Amino acid sequence: MTTLRVDRVVTSGQFCLDGGCWDVDNNIWLIGDDEEVLIVDAAHQAEPILDAVAGRKVVAIVCTHAHNDHVTVAPELAEVTGAPIFLHPDDDVLWQQTNPGVGYTALWDGQRIGVGGAEVQVLHTPGHSPGSCCLYVPALGRLCSGDTLFAGGPGATGRSYSDFPTIIASIRDRLLTLPAETVVLTGHGDSTETGAEAPHLQEWIDRGH
């Protein structure tokens, strides 16, 4: 029996929406053991992600949301690995901007995905986008938060299909209710813990973004 773990891959590219593009570094998280793995997000380049998979069976490619920088190479990864792509259907309008006509399997709140002898729980956390989801791994005390929660505050809500009160409600009700020692593995930048972010909720609300 091998040990369940989470590996990180960082890729670089551009996030494009509403007619603008910005250079970004993305975290891709691989949840699994020595035999099989779940890919969380599919950013920019497939090769470094596949290198980290290292021949393991890919159970699924889960997109935390459908902004282009999180789904760029999802179809390529699916073709190479044979794994299904999972995405919350509320993000279909964003998905079609990057991967028009490409199919995916619907991701739903409360869904559980098995990998490496453990369960990954899906939490629908809209706000950054309508279909944004986080993935909670109770066995590891880890949460892949996509762009919903970062070290220092909520994800951005200043562009199309996003909403600040909605992301605050998602963080308050779905994420900050997890154990305080839960490690938050973010879509960009450094990790944090739910307990480190919880005291600042009112500051974010007062700040308004």
N, C-alpha and C. Protein backbone atom coordinates (compact mmCIF):
# COMPACT_ATOMS: atom_id res chain seq x y z
N MET A 1 0.85 -1.20 0.00
CA MET A 1 0.00 0.00 0.00
C MET A 1 0.89 1.25 0.00
N THR A 2 0.62 2.14 -0.92
CA THR A 2 1.40 3.37 -1.01
C THR A 2 0.69 4.52 -0.31
N THR A 3 1.43 5.57 -0.05
CA THR A 3 0.93 6.68 0.74
C THR A 3 0.23 7.72 -0.12
N LEU A 4 -0.96 8.13 0.32
CA LEU A 4 -1.68 9.19 -0.35
C LEU A 4 -0.94 10.51 -0.16
N ARG A 5 -0.86 11.31 -1.20
CA ARG A 5 -0.15 12.58 -1.12
C ARG A 5 -0.73 13.55 -2.15
N VAL A 6 -0.28 14.80 -2.04
CA VAL A 6 -0.63 15.82 -3.02
C VAL A 6 0.67 16.42 -3.56
N ASP A 7 0.84 16.37 -4.86
CA ASP A 7 1.99 16.97 -5.52
C ASP A 7 1.57 18.25 -6.23
N ARG A 8 2.51 19.19 -6.36
CA ARG A 8 2.22 20.44 -7.04
C ARG A 8 3.05 20.57 -8.31
N VAL A 9 2.39 21.05 -9.36
CA VAL A 9 3.05 21.43 -10.61
C VAL A 9 2.71 22.90 -10.85
N VAL A 10 3.67 23.70 -11.26
CA VAL A 10 3.42 25.10 -11.58
C VAL A 10 3.68 25.33 -13.06
N THR A 11 2.70 25.90 -13.75
CA THR A 11 2.87 26.26 -15.15
C THR A 11 2.55 27.74 -15.33
N SER A 12 3.05 28.30 -16.41
CA SER A 12 2.90 29.74 -16.66
C SER A 12 2.24 29.98 -18.00
N GLY A 13 1.43 31.03 -18.04
CA GLY A 13 0.75 31.40 -19.28
C GLY A 13 -0.04 32.67 -19.08
N GLN A 14 -1.21 32.75 -19.73
CA GLN A 14 -2.03 33.95 -19.61
C GLN A 14 -3.46 33.60 -19.22
N PHE A 15 -4.03 34.45 -18.40
CA PHE A 15 -5.46 34.44 -18.10
C PHE A 15 -6.10 35.52 -18.95
N CYS A 16 -7.12 35.15 -19.71
CA CYS A 16 -7.77 36.10 -20.62
C CYS A 16 -9.28 36.09 -20.39
N LEU A 17 -9.84 37.28 -20.21
CA LEU A 17 -11.28 37.43 -20.03
C LEU A 17 -11.65 38.88 -20.25
N ASP A 18 -12.84 39.11 -20.79
CA ASP A 18 -13.36 40.46 -20.98
C ASP A 18 -12.44 41.33 -21.83
N GLY A 19 -11.75 40.70 -22.78
CA GLY A 19 -10.93 41.45 -23.72
C GLY A 19 -9.52 41.77 -23.24
N GLY A 20 -9.14 41.33 -22.04
CA GLY A 20 -7.79 41.57 -21.53
C GLY A 20 -7.08 40.27 -21.23
N CYS A 21 -5.75 40.32 -21.19
CA CYS A 21 -4.95 39.14 -20.85
C CYS A 21 -3.88 39.54 -19.83
N TRP A 22 -3.59 38.64 -18.91
CA TRP A 22 -2.61 38.89 -17.85
C TRP A 22 -1.73 37.67 -17.68
N ASP A 23 -0.44 37.88 -17.47
CA ASP A 23 0.48 36.77 -17.22
C ASP A 23 0.23 36.19 -15.84
N VAL A 24 0.17 34.86 -15.75
CA VAL A 24 -0.11 34.21 -14.48
C VAL A 24 0.70 32.92 -14.35
N ASP A 25 0.98 32.56 -13.10
CA ASP A 25 1.52 31.24 -12.76
C ASP A 25 0.40 30.47 -12.07
N ASN A 26 0.18 29.25 -12.50
CA ASN A 26 -0.91 28.43 -11.96
C ASN A 26 -0.38 27.23 -11.21
N ASN A 27 -1.06 26.90 -10.11
CA ASN A 27 -0.80 25.65 -9.40
C ASN A 27 -1.72 24.56 -9.93
N ILE A 28 -1.13 23.44 -10.29
CA ILE A 28 -1.90 22.22 -10.61
C ILE A 28 -1.61 21.23 -9.51
N TRP A 29 -2.66 20.64 -8.94
CA TRP A 29 -2.49 19.73 -7.81
C TRP A 29 -2.80 18.31 -8.25
N LEU A 30 -1.93 17.37 -7.87
CA LEU A 30 -2.11 15.96 -8.19
C LEU A 30 -2.35 15.20 -6.89
N ILE A 31 -3.57 14.71 -6.71
CA ILE A 31 -3.95 13.98 -5.50
C ILE A 31 -3.91 12.49 -5.82
N GLY A 32 -3.12 11.72 -5.07
CA GLY A 32 -3.08 10.30 -5.34
C GLY A 32 -1.96 9.59 -4.62
N ASP A 33 -1.65 8.37 -5.09
CA ASP A 33 -0.56 7.58 -4.54
C ASP A 33 0.36 7.16 -5.68
N ASP A 34 1.08 6.07 -5.50
CA ASP A 34 2.01 5.65 -6.54
C ASP A 34 1.31 4.98 -7.72
N GLU A 35 0.04 4.65 -7.55
CA GLU A 35 -0.68 3.90 -8.58
C GLU A 35 -1.62 4.76 -9.41
N GLU A 36 -2.34 5.67 -8.76
CA GLU A 36 -3.34 6.46 -9.47
C GLU A 36 -3.38 7.87 -8.93
N VAL A 37 -3.96 8.76 -9.74
CA VAL A 37 -3.89 10.18 -9.39
C VAL A 37 -5.10 10.93 -9.97
N LEU A 38 -5.48 11.98 -9.27
CA LEU A 38 -6.51 12.90 -9.72
C LEU A 38 -5.83 14.22 -10.05
N ILE A 39 -6.02 14.72 -11.26
CA ILE A 39 -5.43 16.00 -11.66
C ILE A 39 -6.43 17.11 -11.36
N VAL A 40 -6.02 18.10 -10.59
CA VAL A 40 -6.86 19.25 -10.27
C VAL A 40 -6.36 20.45 -11.07
N ASP A 41 -7.15 20.82 -12.05
CA ASP A 41 -6.89 21.91 -13.01
C ASP A 41 -5.88 21.50 -14.09
N ALA A 42 -5.96 22.18 -15.21
CA ALA A 42 -5.23 21.79 -16.41
C ALA A 42 -4.71 23.04 -17.10
N ALA A 43 -3.67 23.62 -16.52
CA ALA A 43 -3.25 24.97 -16.89
C ALA A 43 -2.08 24.98 -17.87
N HIS A 44 -2.26 25.66 -18.97
CA HIS A 44 -1.21 26.16 -19.86
C HIS A 44 -0.46 25.11 -20.67
N GLN A 45 0.26 24.19 -20.02
CA GLN A 45 1.05 23.19 -20.75
C GLN A 45 0.80 21.80 -20.18
N ALA A 46 0.61 20.83 -21.08
CA ALA A 46 0.34 19.46 -20.64
C ALA A 46 1.60 18.72 -20.20
N GLU A 47 2.73 18.99 -20.84
CA GLU A 47 3.93 18.17 -20.62
C GLU A 47 4.37 18.11 -19.16
N PRO A 48 4.51 19.26 -18.46
CA PRO A 48 4.95 19.16 -17.05
C PRO A 48 3.94 18.44 -16.17
N ILE A 49 2.67 18.52 -16.50
CA ILE A 49 1.65 17.80 -15.73
C ILE A 49 1.80 16.30 -15.95
N LEU A 50 1.97 15.90 -17.20
CA LEU A 50 2.14 14.48 -17.51
C LEU A 50 3.44 13.95 -16.93
N ASP A 51 4.48 14.77 -16.89
CA ASP A 51 5.74 14.35 -16.28
C ASP A 51 5.52 14.02 -14.80
N ALA A 52 4.70 14.84 -14.13
CA ALA A 52 4.43 14.61 -12.71
C ALA A 52 3.51 13.41 -12.48
N VAL A 53 2.62 13.16 -13.43
CA VAL A 53 1.76 11.97 -13.36
C VAL A 53 2.63 10.71 -13.38
N ALA A 54 3.69 10.75 -14.17
CA ALA A 54 4.72 9.70 -14.19
C ALA A 54 4.16 8.30 -14.42
N GLY A 55 3.24 8.21 -15.38
CA GLY A 55 2.73 6.90 -15.77
C GLY A 55 1.62 6.35 -14.91
N ARG A 56 1.22 7.06 -13.86
CA ARG A 56 0.13 6.59 -13.03
C ARG A 56 -1.20 6.66 -13.77
N LYS A 57 -2.14 5.85 -13.33
CA LYS A 57 -3.49 5.93 -13.89
C LYS A 57 -4.14 7.24 -13.44
N VAL A 58 -4.65 8.00 -14.39
CA VAL A 58 -5.36 9.24 -14.08
C VAL A 58 -6.85 8.93 -13.94
N VAL A 59 -7.36 9.09 -12.73
CA VAL A 59 -8.76 8.79 -12.45
C VAL A 59 -9.67 9.83 -13.10
N ALA A 60 -9.28 11.10 -13.02
CA ALA A 60 -10.09 12.17 -13.59
C ALA A 60 -9.27 13.45 -13.65
N ILE A 61 -9.71 14.35 -14.50
CA ILE A 61 -9.17 15.70 -14.59
C ILE A 61 -10.29 16.62 -14.11
N VAL A 62 -10.12 17.18 -12.93
CA VAL A 62 -11.17 18.01 -12.34
C VAL A 62 -10.79 19.48 -12.48
N CYS A 63 -11.66 20.26 -13.08
CA CYS A 63 -11.42 21.70 -13.23
C CYS A 63 -12.18 22.42 -12.13
N THR A 64 -11.46 23.16 -11.29
CA THR A 64 -12.12 23.89 -10.21
C THR A 64 -13.06 24.96 -10.74
N HIS A 65 -12.76 25.49 -11.92
CA HIS A 65 -13.64 26.41 -12.63
C HIS A 65 -13.13 26.51 -14.06
N ALA A 66 -13.83 27.25 -14.90
CA ALA A 66 -13.55 27.19 -16.34
C ALA A 66 -12.89 28.43 -16.90
N HIS A 67 -12.28 29.28 -16.06
CA HIS A 67 -11.43 30.32 -16.63
C HIS A 67 -10.33 29.67 -17.46
N ASN A 68 -9.96 30.31 -18.56
CA ASN A 68 -9.09 29.65 -19.52
C ASN A 68 -7.80 29.12 -18.91
N ASP A 69 -7.25 29.85 -17.93
CA ASP A 69 -5.96 29.43 -17.37
C ASP A 69 -6.06 28.17 -16.51
N HIS A 70 -7.27 27.70 -16.25
CA HIS A 70 -7.44 26.46 -15.48
C HIS A 70 -7.90 25.29 -16.34
N VAL A 71 -8.21 25.55 -17.60
CA VAL A 71 -8.75 24.47 -18.46
C VAL A 71 -8.03 24.35 -19.80
N THR A 72 -6.96 25.12 -20.00
CA THR A 72 -6.31 25.20 -21.31
C THR A 72 -6.04 23.84 -21.93
N VAL A 73 -5.42 22.96 -21.16
CA VAL A 73 -4.98 21.69 -21.74
C VAL A 73 -5.80 20.50 -21.23
N ALA A 74 -6.98 20.77 -20.70
CA ALA A 74 -7.84 19.67 -20.25
C ALA A 74 -8.14 18.68 -21.38
N PRO A 75 -8.52 19.15 -22.58
CA PRO A 75 -8.78 18.18 -23.65
C PRO A 75 -7.54 17.37 -24.03
N GLU A 76 -6.38 18.00 -24.06
CA GLU A 76 -5.15 17.28 -24.39
C GLU A 76 -4.83 16.22 -23.33
N LEU A 77 -4.96 16.59 -22.06
CA LEU A 77 -4.71 15.63 -20.99
C LEU A 77 -5.69 14.47 -21.06
N ALA A 78 -6.95 14.77 -21.35
CA ALA A 78 -7.95 13.71 -21.45
C ALA A 78 -7.63 12.76 -22.60
N GLU A 79 -7.18 13.30 -23.71
CA GLU A 79 -6.85 12.47 -24.87
C GLU A 79 -5.68 11.55 -24.57
N VAL A 80 -4.66 12.10 -23.91
CA VAL A 80 -3.45 11.31 -23.63
C VAL A 80 -3.71 10.25 -22.56
N THR A 81 -4.46 10.62 -21.52
CA THR A 81 -4.62 9.71 -20.37
C THR A 81 -5.87 8.84 -20.44
N GLY A 82 -6.85 9.24 -21.26
CA GLY A 82 -8.10 8.52 -21.30
C GLY A 82 -9.03 8.84 -20.14
N ALA A 83 -8.66 9.82 -19.33
CA ALA A 83 -9.45 10.17 -18.15
C ALA A 83 -10.57 11.15 -18.51
N PRO A 84 -11.68 11.10 -17.78
CA PRO A 84 -12.76 12.06 -18.01
C PRO A 84 -12.42 13.43 -17.44
N ILE A 85 -12.99 14.47 -18.05
CA ILE A 85 -12.90 15.83 -17.55
C ILE A 85 -14.15 16.11 -16.73
N PHE A 86 -13.97 16.62 -15.51
CA PHE A 86 -15.11 17.00 -14.68
C PHE A 86 -15.13 18.52 -14.52
N LEU A 87 -16.32 19.10 -14.68
CA LEU A 87 -16.52 20.54 -14.53
C LEU A 87 -17.95 20.79 -14.10
N HIS A 88 -18.14 21.77 -13.21
CA HIS A 88 -19.51 22.12 -12.83
C HIS A 88 -20.20 22.81 -14.01
N PRO A 89 -21.40 22.35 -14.39
CA PRO A 89 -22.05 22.88 -15.59
C PRO A 89 -22.41 24.36 -15.53
N ASP A 90 -22.45 24.95 -14.33
CA ASP A 90 -22.72 26.38 -14.24
C ASP A 90 -21.61 27.22 -14.89
N ASP A 91 -20.46 26.58 -15.16
CA ASP A 91 -19.35 27.29 -15.81
C ASP A 91 -19.27 26.99 -17.30
N ASP A 92 -20.33 26.43 -17.86
CA ASP A 92 -20.29 26.05 -19.28
C ASP A 92 -20.01 27.23 -20.20
N VAL A 93 -20.57 28.39 -19.88
CA VAL A 93 -20.37 29.56 -20.75
C VAL A 93 -18.89 29.93 -20.82
N LEU A 94 -18.18 29.78 -19.73
CA LEU A 94 -16.74 30.05 -19.72
C LEU A 94 -15.97 28.94 -20.42
N TRP A 95 -16.37 27.71 -20.19
CA TRP A 95 -15.71 26.56 -20.84
C TRP A 95 -15.77 26.69 -22.36
N GLN A 96 -16.93 27.08 -22.86
CA GLN A 96 -17.10 27.17 -24.32
C GLN A 96 -16.21 28.26 -24.93
N GLN A 97 -15.79 29.24 -24.13
CA GLN A 97 -14.91 30.28 -24.66
C GLN A 97 -13.52 29.72 -24.98
N THR A 98 -13.09 28.72 -24.22
CA THR A 98 -11.75 28.15 -24.39
C THR A 98 -11.77 26.84 -25.16
N ASN A 99 -12.76 26.00 -24.88
CA ASN A 99 -12.83 24.66 -25.48
C ASN A 99 -14.20 24.42 -26.11
N PRO A 100 -14.55 25.22 -27.12
CA PRO A 100 -15.90 25.10 -27.71
C PRO A 100 -16.15 23.71 -28.28
N GLY A 101 -17.30 23.17 -27.91
CA GLY A 101 -17.72 21.89 -28.46
C GLY A 101 -17.10 20.68 -27.79
N VAL A 102 -16.19 20.89 -26.84
CA VAL A 102 -15.55 19.76 -26.14
C VAL A 102 -16.43 19.34 -24.97
N GLY A 103 -16.70 18.07 -24.88
CA GLY A 103 -17.57 17.57 -23.83
C GLY A 103 -16.86 17.38 -22.51
N TYR A 104 -17.64 17.29 -21.45
CA TYR A 104 -17.11 17.04 -20.11
C TYR A 104 -18.19 16.37 -19.29
N THR A 105 -17.81 15.81 -18.16
CA THR A 105 -18.74 15.18 -17.22
C THR A 105 -19.10 16.20 -16.14
N ALA A 106 -20.38 16.27 -15.82
CA ALA A 106 -20.84 17.26 -14.85
C ALA A 106 -20.30 16.95 -13.45
N LEU A 107 -19.79 17.98 -12.82
CA LEU A 107 -19.32 17.93 -11.43
C LEU A 107 -20.39 18.57 -10.56
N TRP A 108 -20.73 17.91 -9.45
CA TRP A 108 -21.83 18.39 -8.63
C TRP A 108 -21.43 18.51 -7.16
N ASP A 109 -22.07 19.43 -6.48
CA ASP A 109 -21.85 19.58 -5.04
C ASP A 109 -22.16 18.28 -4.32
N GLY A 110 -21.28 17.88 -3.42
CA GLY A 110 -21.48 16.66 -2.66
C GLY A 110 -20.94 15.41 -3.33
N GLN A 111 -20.52 15.52 -4.58
CA GLN A 111 -19.95 14.38 -5.28
C GLN A 111 -18.67 13.92 -4.58
N ARG A 112 -18.42 12.61 -4.62
CA ARG A 112 -17.22 12.05 -4.02
C ARG A 112 -16.46 11.26 -5.08
N ILE A 113 -15.19 11.53 -5.20
CA ILE A 113 -14.35 10.87 -6.20
C ILE A 113 -13.27 10.08 -5.47
N GLY A 114 -13.19 8.80 -5.76
CA GLY A 114 -12.22 7.96 -5.10
C GLY A 114 -10.88 7.97 -5.82
N VAL A 115 -9.81 8.08 -5.04
CA VAL A 115 -8.45 7.99 -5.59
C VAL A 115 -7.50 7.56 -4.49
N GLY A 116 -6.62 6.65 -4.79
CA GLY A 116 -5.61 6.22 -3.82
C GLY A 116 -6.16 5.72 -2.52
N GLY A 117 -7.35 5.11 -2.56
CA GLY A 117 -7.96 4.58 -1.35
C GLY A 117 -8.66 5.60 -0.49
N ALA A 118 -8.75 6.83 -0.96
CA ALA A 118 -9.41 7.90 -0.20
C ALA A 118 -10.51 8.54 -1.04
N GLU A 119 -11.30 9.39 -0.38
CA GLU A 119 -12.36 10.11 -1.07
C GLU A 119 -12.04 11.59 -1.16
N VAL A 120 -12.30 12.16 -2.32
CA VAL A 120 -12.21 13.60 -2.53
C VAL A 120 -13.64 14.13 -2.62
N GLN A 121 -13.96 15.09 -1.76
CA GLN A 121 -15.32 15.62 -1.68
C GLN A 121 -15.42 16.94 -2.46
N VAL A 122 -16.46 17.07 -3.27
CA VAL A 122 -16.69 18.26 -4.07
C VAL A 122 -17.56 19.25 -3.31
N LEU A 123 -17.08 20.48 -3.18
CA LEU A 123 -17.84 21.57 -2.56
C LEU A 123 -18.08 22.64 -3.61
N HIS A 124 -19.34 22.88 -3.96
CA HIS A 124 -19.66 23.94 -4.92
C HIS A 124 -19.54 25.28 -4.20
N THR A 125 -18.65 26.13 -4.67
CA THR A 125 -18.36 27.41 -4.00
C THR A 125 -18.41 28.55 -5.02
N PRO A 126 -19.59 28.89 -5.51
CA PRO A 126 -19.68 29.94 -6.53
C PRO A 126 -19.25 31.30 -6.01
N GLY A 127 -18.97 32.19 -6.94
CA GLY A 127 -18.58 33.56 -6.61
C GLY A 127 -17.51 34.06 -7.55
N HIS A 128 -16.35 33.37 -7.57
CA HIS A 128 -15.31 33.72 -8.54
C HIS A 128 -15.83 33.43 -9.94
N SER A 129 -16.58 32.37 -10.05
CA SER A 129 -17.36 32.03 -11.25
C SER A 129 -18.57 31.24 -10.76
N PRO A 130 -19.60 31.10 -11.61
CA PRO A 130 -20.82 30.43 -11.14
C PRO A 130 -20.61 28.98 -10.75
N GLY A 131 -19.69 28.30 -11.44
CA GLY A 131 -19.49 26.88 -11.20
C GLY A 131 -18.25 26.55 -10.40
N SER A 132 -17.64 27.53 -9.78
CA SER A 132 -16.42 27.26 -9.02
C SER A 132 -16.65 26.19 -7.95
N CYS A 133 -15.70 25.27 -7.84
CA CYS A 133 -15.77 24.20 -6.85
C CYS A 133 -14.42 24.05 -6.15
N CYS A 134 -14.46 23.60 -4.91
CA CYS A 134 -13.26 23.24 -4.17
C CYS A 134 -13.29 21.75 -3.91
N LEU A 135 -12.13 21.16 -3.73
CA LEU A 135 -12.02 19.72 -3.50
C LEU A 135 -11.38 19.48 -2.13
N TYR A 136 -12.11 18.81 -1.27
CA TYR A 136 -11.67 18.57 0.10
C TYR A 136 -11.26 17.11 0.25
N VAL A 137 -10.06 16.90 0.82
CA VAL A 137 -9.54 15.56 1.04
C VAL A 137 -9.42 15.35 2.55
N PRO A 138 -10.46 14.85 3.22
CA PRO A 138 -10.42 14.72 4.67
C PRO A 138 -9.25 13.89 5.18
N ALA A 139 -8.87 12.85 4.43
CA ALA A 139 -7.80 11.96 4.88
C ALA A 139 -6.47 12.68 5.00
N LEU A 140 -6.31 13.76 4.26
CA LEU A 140 -5.06 14.52 4.28
C LEU A 140 -5.21 15.88 4.96
N GLY A 141 -6.45 16.29 5.24
CA GLY A 141 -6.66 17.63 5.77
C GLY A 141 -6.27 18.69 4.77
N ARG A 142 -6.55 18.44 3.50
CA ARG A 142 -6.18 19.34 2.42
C ARG A 142 -7.42 19.79 1.65
N LEU A 143 -7.40 21.04 1.20
CA LEU A 143 -8.47 21.60 0.38
C LEU A 143 -7.86 22.27 -0.84
N CYS A 144 -8.22 21.81 -2.02
CA CYS A 144 -7.84 22.50 -3.26
C CYS A 144 -8.90 23.55 -3.53
N SER A 145 -8.52 24.82 -3.39
CA SER A 145 -9.52 25.89 -3.38
C SER A 145 -9.69 26.59 -4.72
N GLY A 146 -8.94 26.16 -5.75
CA GLY A 146 -9.05 26.87 -7.01
C GLY A 146 -8.77 28.35 -6.81
N ASP A 147 -9.65 29.20 -7.34
CA ASP A 147 -9.51 30.64 -7.15
C ASP A 147 -10.57 31.20 -6.21
N THR A 148 -11.10 30.35 -5.32
CA THR A 148 -12.11 30.81 -4.37
C THR A 148 -11.48 31.44 -3.14
N LEU A 149 -10.45 30.80 -2.59
CA LEU A 149 -9.80 31.32 -1.38
C LEU A 149 -8.30 31.28 -1.54
N PHE A 150 -7.65 32.40 -1.21
CA PHE A 150 -6.20 32.52 -1.28
C PHE A 150 -5.64 32.87 0.09
N ALA A 151 -4.31 32.85 0.19
CA ALA A 151 -3.65 33.38 1.38
C ALA A 151 -3.86 34.90 1.36
N GLY A 152 -4.73 35.38 2.23
CA GLY A 152 -4.98 36.81 2.29
C GLY A 152 -6.34 37.25 1.81
N GLY A 153 -7.17 36.33 1.34
CA GLY A 153 -8.51 36.75 0.97
C GLY A 153 -9.16 35.96 -0.14
N PRO A 154 -10.36 36.40 -0.52
CA PRO A 154 -11.12 35.70 -1.56
C PRO A 154 -10.55 35.95 -2.95
N GLY A 155 -10.93 35.08 -3.88
CA GLY A 155 -10.57 35.27 -5.27
C GLY A 155 -11.23 36.51 -5.85
N ALA A 156 -10.72 36.93 -6.99
CA ALA A 156 -11.21 38.15 -7.64
C ALA A 156 -12.66 37.99 -8.10
N THR A 157 -13.41 39.10 -7.99
CA THR A 157 -14.80 39.09 -8.44
C THR A 157 -15.12 40.32 -9.30
N GLY A 158 -14.11 40.89 -9.92
CA GLY A 158 -14.33 42.12 -10.68
C GLY A 158 -14.63 41.92 -12.15
N ARG A 159 -14.71 40.67 -12.61
CA ARG A 159 -14.93 40.43 -14.03
C ARG A 159 -16.25 39.69 -14.26
N SER A 160 -16.54 39.42 -15.51
CA SER A 160 -17.81 38.80 -15.88
C SER A 160 -18.04 37.49 -15.14
N TYR A 161 -19.29 37.25 -14.83
CA TYR A 161 -19.76 35.99 -14.23
C TYR A 161 -19.27 35.79 -12.80
N SER A 162 -18.82 36.85 -12.14
CA SER A 162 -18.37 36.73 -10.75
C SER A 162 -19.20 37.66 -9.86
N ASP A 163 -19.17 37.37 -8.55
CA ASP A 163 -20.00 38.15 -7.64
C ASP A 163 -19.40 38.10 -6.23
N PHE A 164 -19.14 39.27 -5.65
CA PHE A 164 -18.46 39.33 -4.35
C PHE A 164 -19.30 38.77 -3.21
N PRO A 165 -20.58 39.20 -3.02
CA PRO A 165 -21.35 38.61 -1.91
C PRO A 165 -21.46 37.09 -2.00
N THR A 166 -21.49 36.57 -3.23
CA THR A 166 -21.61 35.12 -3.41
C THR A 166 -20.34 34.40 -2.97
N ILE A 167 -19.17 34.94 -3.33
CA ILE A 167 -17.92 34.27 -2.93
C ILE A 167 -17.73 34.36 -1.42
N ILE A 168 -18.14 35.47 -0.82
CA ILE A 168 -18.05 35.59 0.64
C ILE A 168 -18.92 34.53 1.32
N ALA A 169 -20.12 34.33 0.82
CA ALA A 169 -21.01 33.32 1.39
C ALA A 169 -20.42 31.93 1.22
N SER A 170 -19.82 31.66 0.06
CA SER A 170 -19.21 30.35 -0.17
C SER A 170 -18.07 30.08 0.80
N ILE A 171 -17.21 31.08 0.97
CA ILE A 171 -16.07 30.92 1.88
C ILE A 171 -16.54 30.76 3.32
N ARG A 172 -17.48 31.60 3.73
CA ARG A 172 -17.98 31.58 5.11
C ARG A 172 -18.67 30.25 5.43
N ASP A 173 -19.53 29.81 4.53
CA ASP A 173 -20.41 28.68 4.83
C ASP A 173 -19.81 27.32 4.47
N ARG A 174 -18.92 27.28 3.48
CA ARG A 174 -18.42 25.99 3.00
C ARG A 174 -16.96 25.73 3.36
N LEU A 175 -16.14 26.78 3.45
CA LEU A 175 -14.69 26.57 3.65
C LEU A 175 -14.25 26.86 5.07
N LEU A 176 -14.70 27.96 5.65
CA LEU A 176 -14.26 28.31 7.00
C LEU A 176 -14.92 27.45 8.06
N THR A 177 -15.84 26.59 7.66
CA THR A 177 -16.45 25.63 8.57
C THR A 177 -15.63 24.34 8.65
N LEU A 178 -14.63 24.20 7.79
CA LEU A 178 -13.74 23.03 7.84
C LEU A 178 -12.79 23.19 9.03
N PRO A 179 -12.14 22.11 9.47
CA PRO A 179 -11.21 22.23 10.59
C PRO A 179 -10.17 23.32 10.37
N ALA A 180 -9.82 24.03 11.44
CA ALA A 180 -8.94 25.19 11.34
C ALA A 180 -7.56 24.84 10.79
N GLU A 181 -7.15 23.59 10.97
CA GLU A 181 -5.83 23.19 10.51
C GLU A 181 -5.84 22.71 9.05
N THR A 182 -6.97 22.81 8.38
CA THR A 182 -7.06 22.41 6.98
C THR A 182 -6.12 23.26 6.12
N VAL A 183 -5.24 22.60 5.39
CA VAL A 183 -4.30 23.29 4.51
C VAL A 183 -5.00 23.62 3.20
N VAL A 184 -4.97 24.89 2.82
CA VAL A 184 -5.64 25.36 1.61
C VAL A 184 -4.62 25.45 0.49
N LEU A 185 -4.78 24.59 -0.50
CA LEU A 185 -3.90 24.55 -1.67
C LEU A 185 -4.56 25.38 -2.77
N THR A 186 -4.00 26.55 -3.03
CA THR A 186 -4.66 27.55 -3.86
C THR A 186 -4.33 27.38 -5.34
N GLY A 187 -5.12 28.06 -6.17
CA GLY A 187 -4.91 28.00 -7.61
C GLY A 187 -3.72 28.79 -8.09
N HIS A 188 -3.31 29.75 -7.30
CA HIS A 188 -2.13 30.57 -7.61
C HIS A 188 -1.44 30.91 -6.29
N GLY A 189 -0.13 30.94 -6.28
CA GLY A 189 0.59 31.43 -5.11
C GLY A 189 0.71 30.43 -3.98
N ASP A 190 0.91 30.97 -2.77
CA ASP A 190 1.23 30.16 -1.61
C ASP A 190 -0.01 29.53 -0.98
N SER A 191 0.22 28.46 -0.25
CA SER A 191 -0.84 27.81 0.50
C SER A 191 -1.11 28.57 1.80
N THR A 192 -2.22 28.22 2.43
CA THR A 192 -2.58 28.83 3.73
C THR A 192 -3.35 27.78 4.52
N GLU A 193 -3.99 28.20 5.60
CA GLU A 193 -4.86 27.32 6.38
C GLU A 193 -6.18 28.04 6.64
N THR A 194 -7.25 27.27 6.76
CA THR A 194 -8.56 27.89 7.00
C THR A 194 -8.53 28.71 8.30
N GLY A 195 -7.83 28.20 9.30
CA GLY A 195 -7.78 28.90 10.58
C GLY A 195 -7.02 30.21 10.52
N ALA A 196 -6.10 30.32 9.56
CA ALA A 196 -5.35 31.56 9.39
C ALA A 196 -6.18 32.62 8.68
N GLU A 197 -7.13 32.19 7.87
CA GLU A 197 -7.93 33.13 7.08
C GLU A 197 -9.22 33.53 7.79
N ALA A 198 -9.78 32.65 8.59
CA ALA A 198 -11.09 32.89 9.21
C ALA A 198 -11.20 34.20 9.97
N PRO A 199 -10.17 34.61 10.74
CA PRO A 199 -10.32 35.85 11.51
C PRO A 199 -10.45 37.10 10.65
N HIS A 200 -10.16 36.99 9.37
CA HIS A 200 -10.13 38.17 8.50
C HIS A 200 -11.39 38.34 7.65
N LEU A 201 -12.37 37.49 7.86
CA LEU A 201 -13.57 37.52 7.02
C LEU A 201 -14.23 38.90 7.02
N GLN A 202 -14.39 39.50 8.19
CA GLN A 202 -15.06 40.80 8.25
C GLN A 202 -14.23 41.87 7.55
N GLU A 203 -12.91 41.77 7.63
CA GLU A 203 -12.05 42.72 6.91
C GLU A 203 -12.31 42.67 5.41
N TRP A 204 -12.45 41.45 4.88
CA TRP A 204 -12.71 41.31 3.44
C TRP A 204 -14.06 41.92 3.08
N ILE A 205 -15.06 41.69 3.93
CA ILE A 205 -16.38 42.23 3.68
C ILE A 205 -16.32 43.76 3.68
N ASP A 206 -15.63 44.33 4.67
CA ASP A 206 -15.52 45.77 4.77
C ASP A 206 -14.74 46.35 3.57
N ARG A 207 -13.74 45.60 3.10
CA ARG A 207 -12.95 46.02 1.97
C ARG A 207 -13.76 45.98 0.68
N GLY A 208 -14.62 44.97 0.60
CA GLY A 208 -15.54 44.90 -0.53
C GLY A 208 -14.98 44.24 -1.77
N HIS A 209 -13.84 43.58 -1.65
CA HIS A 209 -13.30 42.85 -2.81
C HIS A 209 -12.26 41.85 -2.31
